[in-house]
């Protein structure tokens, strides 16, 4: 399957951090490919793995948490078990309390993604659920994923 000419599928060098995610038998749907809802779990996995590895996300006790407020995905080619997914992530917008992550899902060693998507986190106080400024360590980790301002 080729990428439609009206959609841009950027290569691996457009992403800052990668995580290998194996597909599972149960990821396939009755049509023989990974079901579209599973792609969103791959998005969550690569972003949260990065944040946890940088020690800026404490899923159990952190005072600040990210809530997803918007998502989207374009599908270019199928993924299917037993493919290996190379999930690349980057930050394309870093606000006061929000961040836009973009994720490319690459099948095995393919140079262009099978899917590309995004989601936006708004960071909030865990208890009040009100937006808060990004803590400095989190902002630094997110800046490392960013292509903004010459990064």
C-alpha atoms as a PDB file:
ATOM      1  CA  UNK A   1       0.000   0.000   0.000  1.00  0.00           C
ATOM      2  CA  UNK A   2       1.324   3.442  -0.857  1.00  0.00           C
ATOM      3  CA  UNK A   3       0.774   6.708   0.985  1.00  0.00           C
ATOM      4  CA  UNK A   4      -1.980   8.803  -0.601  1.00  0.00           C
ATOM      5  CA  UNK A   5      -0.478  11.905  -2.268  1.00  0.00           C
ATOM      6  CA  UNK A   6      -2.502  14.295  -0.082  1.00  0.00           C
ATOM      7  CA  UNK A   7      -1.033  12.880   3.139  1.00  0.00           C
ATOM      8  CA  UNK A   8       2.488  13.400   4.387  1.00  0.00           C
ATOM      9  CA  UNK A   9       4.246  10.378   5.882  1.00  0.00           C
ATOM     10  CA  UNK A  10       7.515  11.466   7.400  1.00  0.00           C
ATOM     11  CA  UNK A  11      10.475   9.146   7.861  1.00  0.00           C
ATOM     12  CA  UNK A  12      12.179   7.922  10.985  1.00  0.00           C
ATOM     13  CA  UNK A  13      14.499  10.919  11.203  1.00  0.00           C
ATOM     14  CA  UNK A  14      11.466  13.088  11.991  1.00  0.00           C
ATOM     15  CA  UNK A  15      11.105  11.507  15.441  1.00  0.00           C
ATOM     16  CA  UNK A  16      13.247  11.944  18.549  1.00  0.00           C
ATOM     17  CA  UNK A  17      12.655   8.775  20.620  1.00  0.00           C
ATOM     18  CA  UNK A  18      11.786   5.201  19.627  1.00  0.00           C
ATOM     19  CA  UNK A  19      10.336   2.209  21.406  1.00  0.00           C
ATOM     20  CA  UNK A  20      10.006  -1.287  19.950  1.00  0.00           C
ATOM     21  CA  UNK A  21       6.563  -2.778  20.585  1.00  0.00           C
ATOM     22  CA  UNK A  22       5.810  -6.346  19.512  1.00  0.00           C
ATOM     23  CA  UNK A  23       2.375  -6.976  18.088  1.00  0.00           C
ATOM     24  CA  UNK A  24       0.344  -9.695  19.755  1.00  0.00           C
ATOM     25  CA  UNK A  25      -1.954 -12.313  18.251  1.00  0.00           C
ATOM     26  CA  UNK A  26      -4.898 -10.711  20.036  1.00  0.00           C
ATOM     27  CA  UNK A  27      -4.149  -7.321  18.378  1.00  0.00           C
ATOM     28  CA  UNK A  28      -5.374  -8.654  15.026  1.00  0.00           C
ATOM     29  CA  UNK A  29      -9.027  -8.272  14.139  1.00  0.00           C
ATOM     30  CA  UNK A  30     -11.185 -10.488  11.928  1.00  0.00           C
ATOM     31  CA  UNK A  31      -9.726  -8.778   8.841  1.00  0.00           C
ATOM     32  CA  UNK A  32      -6.235 -10.062   9.665  1.00  0.00           C
ATOM     33  CA  UNK A  33      -4.571  -6.807  10.708  1.00  0.00           C
ATOM     34  CA  UNK A  34      -4.099  -4.841  13.915  1.00  0.00           C
ATOM     35  CA  UNK A  35      -7.383  -3.240  14.925  1.00  0.00           C
ATOM     36  CA  UNK A  36      -7.402   0.555  14.728  1.00  0.00           C
ATOM     37  CA  UNK A  37      -8.025   1.026  18.468  1.00  0.00           C
ATOM     38  CA  UNK A  38      -4.757  -0.777  19.262  1.00  0.00           C
ATOM     39  CA  UNK A  39      -2.780   1.943  17.452  1.00  0.00           C
ATOM     40  CA  UNK A  40      -3.851   4.363  20.194  1.00  0.00           C
ATOM     41  CA  UNK A  41      -2.485   2.008  22.847  1.00  0.00           C
ATOM     42  CA  UNK A  42       0.852   2.094  20.999  1.00  0.00           C
ATOM     43  CA  UNK A  43       0.731   5.921  21.154  1.00  0.00           C
ATOM     44  CA  UNK A  44       0.122   5.822  24.912  1.00  0.00           C
ATOM     45  CA  UNK A  45       2.839   3.228  25.411  1.00  0.00           C
ATOM     46  CA  UNK A  46       5.657   5.120  23.671  1.00  0.00           C
ATOM     47  CA  UNK A  47       4.827   8.456  25.333  1.00  0.00           C
ATOM     48  CA  UNK A  48       4.370   7.081  28.848  1.00  0.00           C
ATOM     49  CA  UNK A  49       7.440   4.829  28.588  1.00  0.00           C
ATOM     50  CA  UNK A  50       9.503   7.882  27.637  1.00  0.00           C
ATOM     51  CA  UNK A  51       8.139   9.983  30.512  1.00  0.00           C
ATOM     52  CA  UNK A  52       8.636   7.193  33.058  1.00  0.00           C
ATOM     53  CA  UNK A  53      12.178   6.496  31.782  1.00  0.00           C
ATOM     54  CA  UNK A  54      13.001  10.208  32.219  1.00  0.00           C
ATOM     55  CA  UNK A  55      11.589  10.043  35.773  1.00  0.00           C
ATOM     56  CA  UNK A  56       9.027  12.794  35.129  1.00  0.00           C
ATOM     57  CA  UNK A  57       5.863  10.684  35.385  1.00  0.00           C
ATOM     58  CA  UNK A  58       4.810   9.014  38.610  1.00  0.00           C
ATOM     59  CA  UNK A  59       1.620   7.187  37.656  1.00  0.00           C
ATOM     60  CA  UNK A  60       0.711   6.357  41.248  1.00  0.00           C
ATOM     61  CA  UNK A  61       1.619   9.383  43.359  1.00  0.00           C
ATOM     62  CA  UNK A  62       2.542  12.279  41.064  1.00  0.00           C
ATOM     63  CA  UNK A  63       0.874  15.602  41.847  1.00  0.00           C
ATOM     64  CA  UNK A  64       0.571  16.416  38.122  1.00  0.00           C
ATOM     65  CA  UNK A  65      -0.993  14.125  35.503  1.00  0.00           C
ATOM     66  CA  UNK A  66      -1.631  14.452  31.782  1.00  0.00           C
ATOM     67  CA  UNK A  67      -5.174  14.131  30.465  1.00  0.00           C
ATOM     68  CA  UNK A  68      -5.733  13.428  26.776  1.00  0.00           C
ATOM     69  CA  UNK A  69      -8.006  16.087  25.291  1.00  0.00           C
ATOM     70  CA  UNK A  70      -7.624  15.394  21.550  1.00  0.00           C
ATOM     71  CA  UNK A  71      -6.352  12.590  19.313  1.00  0.00           C
ATOM     72  CA  UNK A  72      -6.084  11.721  15.659  1.00  0.00           C
ATOM     73  CA  UNK A  73      -4.525   9.077  13.428  1.00  0.00           C
ATOM     74  CA  UNK A  74      -3.889   8.561   9.714  1.00  0.00           C
ATOM     75  CA  UNK A  75      -3.443   4.993   8.520  1.00  0.00           C
ATOM     76  CA  UNK A  76      -1.148   4.354   5.560  1.00  0.00           C
ATOM     77  CA  UNK A  77      -0.436   0.604   5.612  1.00  0.00           C
ATOM     78  CA  UNK A  78      -1.565  -2.329   7.741  1.00  0.00           C
ATOM     79  CA  UNK A  79       0.217  -3.754  10.750  1.00  0.00           C
ATOM     80  CA  UNK A  80      -0.382  -7.411  11.627  1.00  0.00           C
ATOM     81  CA  UNK A  81       0.869 -10.026  14.049  1.00  0.00           C
ATOM     82  CA  UNK A  82       3.782 -10.941  14.160  1.00  0.00           C
ATOM     83  CA  UNK A  83       5.053  -7.518  13.008  1.00  0.00           C
ATOM     84  CA  UNK A  84       7.353  -5.464  15.196  1.00  0.00           C
ATOM     85  CA  UNK A  85       6.248  -1.863  15.680  1.00  0.00           C
ATOM     86  CA  UNK A  86       8.897   0.827  15.985  1.00  0.00           C
ATOM     87  CA  UNK A  87       7.028   3.712  17.625  1.00  0.00           C
ATOM     88  CA  UNK A  88       8.663   7.115  17.194  1.00  0.00           C
ATOM     89  CA  UNK A  89       7.574  10.160  19.179  1.00  0.00           C
ATOM     90  CA  UNK A  90       8.224  13.879  18.986  1.00  0.00           C
ATOM     91  CA  UNK A  91       6.769  17.051  20.482  1.00  0.00           C
ATOM     92  CA  UNK A  92       5.470  19.631  18.018  1.00  0.00           C
ATOM     93  CA  UNK A  93       3.903  22.101  20.431  1.00  0.00           C
ATOM     94  CA  UNK A  94       4.828  22.821  24.013  1.00  0.00           C
ATOM     95  CA  UNK A  95       2.510  25.206  25.831  1.00  0.00           C
ATOM     96  CA  UNK A  96       2.208  26.388  29.413  1.00  0.00           C
ATOM     97  CA  UNK A  97       0.149  23.386  30.545  1.00  0.00           C
ATOM     98  CA  UNK A  98      -0.241  21.358  27.351  1.00  0.00           C
ATOM     99  CA  UNK A  99       1.825  19.379  24.882  1.00  0.00           C
ATOM    100  CA  UNK A 100       1.147  17.951  21.437  1.00  0.00           C
ATOM    101  CA  UNK A 101       2.834  14.600  20.866  1.00  0.00           C
ATOM    102  CA  UNK A 102       3.132  13.171  17.367  1.00  0.00           C
ATOM    103  CA  UNK A 103       3.775   9.468  16.899  1.00  0.00           C
ATOM    104  CA  UNK A 104       4.858   7.463  13.867  1.00  0.00           C
ATOM    105  CA  UNK A 105       4.296   3.699  13.887  1.00  0.00           C
ATOM    106  CA  UNK A 106       6.799   1.942  11.642  1.00  0.00           C
ATOM    107  CA  UNK A 107       6.327  -1.686  10.596  1.00  0.00           C
ATOM    108  CA  UNK A 108       9.514  -3.673  11.167  1.00  0.00           C
ATOM    109  CA  UNK A 109      12.285  -1.831   9.270  1.00  0.00           C
ATOM    110  CA  UNK A 110      10.042   0.152   6.899  1.00  0.00           C
ATOM    111  CA  UNK A 111      11.339   3.695   6.277  1.00  0.00           C
ATOM    112  CA  UNK A 112       7.893   5.325   6.318  1.00  0.00           C
ATOM    113  CA  UNK A 113       5.185   4.865   8.938  1.00  0.00           C
ATOM    114  CA  UNK A 114       2.247   2.512   8.672  1.00  0.00           C
ATOM    115  CA  UNK A 115       0.360   5.114  10.704  1.00  0.00           C
ATOM    116  CA  UNK A 116       0.989   8.600  12.043  1.00  0.00           C
ATOM    117  CA  UNK A 117      -1.011  10.288  14.730  1.00  0.00           C
ATOM    118  CA  UNK A 118      -1.045  12.724  17.561  1.00  0.00           C
ATOM    119  CA  UNK A 119      -2.533  13.422  20.924  1.00  0.00           C
ATOM    120  CA  UNK A 120      -2.642  16.424  23.159  1.00  0.00           C
ATOM    121  CA  UNK A 121      -2.123  16.211  26.903  1.00  0.00           C
ATOM    122  CA  UNK A 122      -3.244  18.945  29.234  1.00  0.00           C
ATOM    123  CA  UNK A 123      -1.363  18.645  32.492  1.00  0.00           C
ATOM    124  CA  UNK A 124      -3.538  19.053  35.563  1.00  0.00           C
ATOM    125  CA  UNK A 125      -3.366  18.818  39.325  1.00  0.00           C
ATOM    126  CA  UNK A 126      -4.186  15.200  40.200  1.00  0.00           C
ATOM    127  CA  UNK A 127      -6.771  16.162  42.831  1.00  0.00           C
ATOM    128  CA  UNK A 128      -8.474  19.270  41.439  1.00  0.00           C
ATOM    129  CA  UNK A 129      -8.135  18.317  37.738  1.00  0.00           C
ATOM    130  CA  UNK A 130      -7.367  21.986  37.003  1.00  0.00           C
ATOM    131  CA  UNK A 131      -4.602  22.843  34.489  1.00  0.00           C
ATOM    132  CA  UNK A 132      -1.193  23.627  35.956  1.00  0.00           C
ATOM    133  CA  UNK A 133       2.064  24.836  34.407  1.00  0.00           C
ATOM    134  CA  UNK A 134       4.363  22.032  33.348  1.00  0.00           C
ATOM    135  CA  UNK A 135       6.872  21.277  36.124  1.00  0.00           C
ATOM    136  CA  UNK A 136      10.453  22.180  35.119  1.00  0.00           C
ATOM    137  CA  UNK A 137      11.742  18.562  34.929  1.00  0.00           C
ATOM    138  CA  UNK A 138       8.774  17.566  32.724  1.00  0.00           C
ATOM    139  CA  UNK A 139       9.262  20.603  30.479  1.00  0.00           C
ATOM    140  CA  UNK A 140      12.957  19.713  30.085  1.00  0.00           C
ATOM    141  CA  UNK A 141      12.125  16.117  29.102  1.00  0.00           C
ATOM    142  CA  UNK A 142       9.508  17.320  26.619  1.00  0.00           C
ATOM    143  CA  UNK A 143      11.906  19.900  25.167  1.00  0.00           C
ATOM    144  CA  UNK A 144      14.282  17.019  24.370  1.00  0.00           C
ATOM    145  CA  UNK A 145      11.533  15.565  22.131  1.00  0.00           C
ATOM    146  CA  UNK A 146      10.840  18.882  20.426  1.00  0.00           C
ATOM    147  CA  UNK A 147      11.806  20.166  17.008  1.00  0.00           C
ATOM    148  CA  UNK A 148      10.695  23.692  18.029  1.00  0.00           C
ATOM    149  CA  UNK A 149      13.143  26.588  18.116  1.00  0.00           C
ATOM    150  CA  UNK A 150      16.071  24.743  16.611  1.00  0.00           C
ATOM    151  CA  UNK A 151      16.080  21.739  18.948  1.00  0.00           C
END
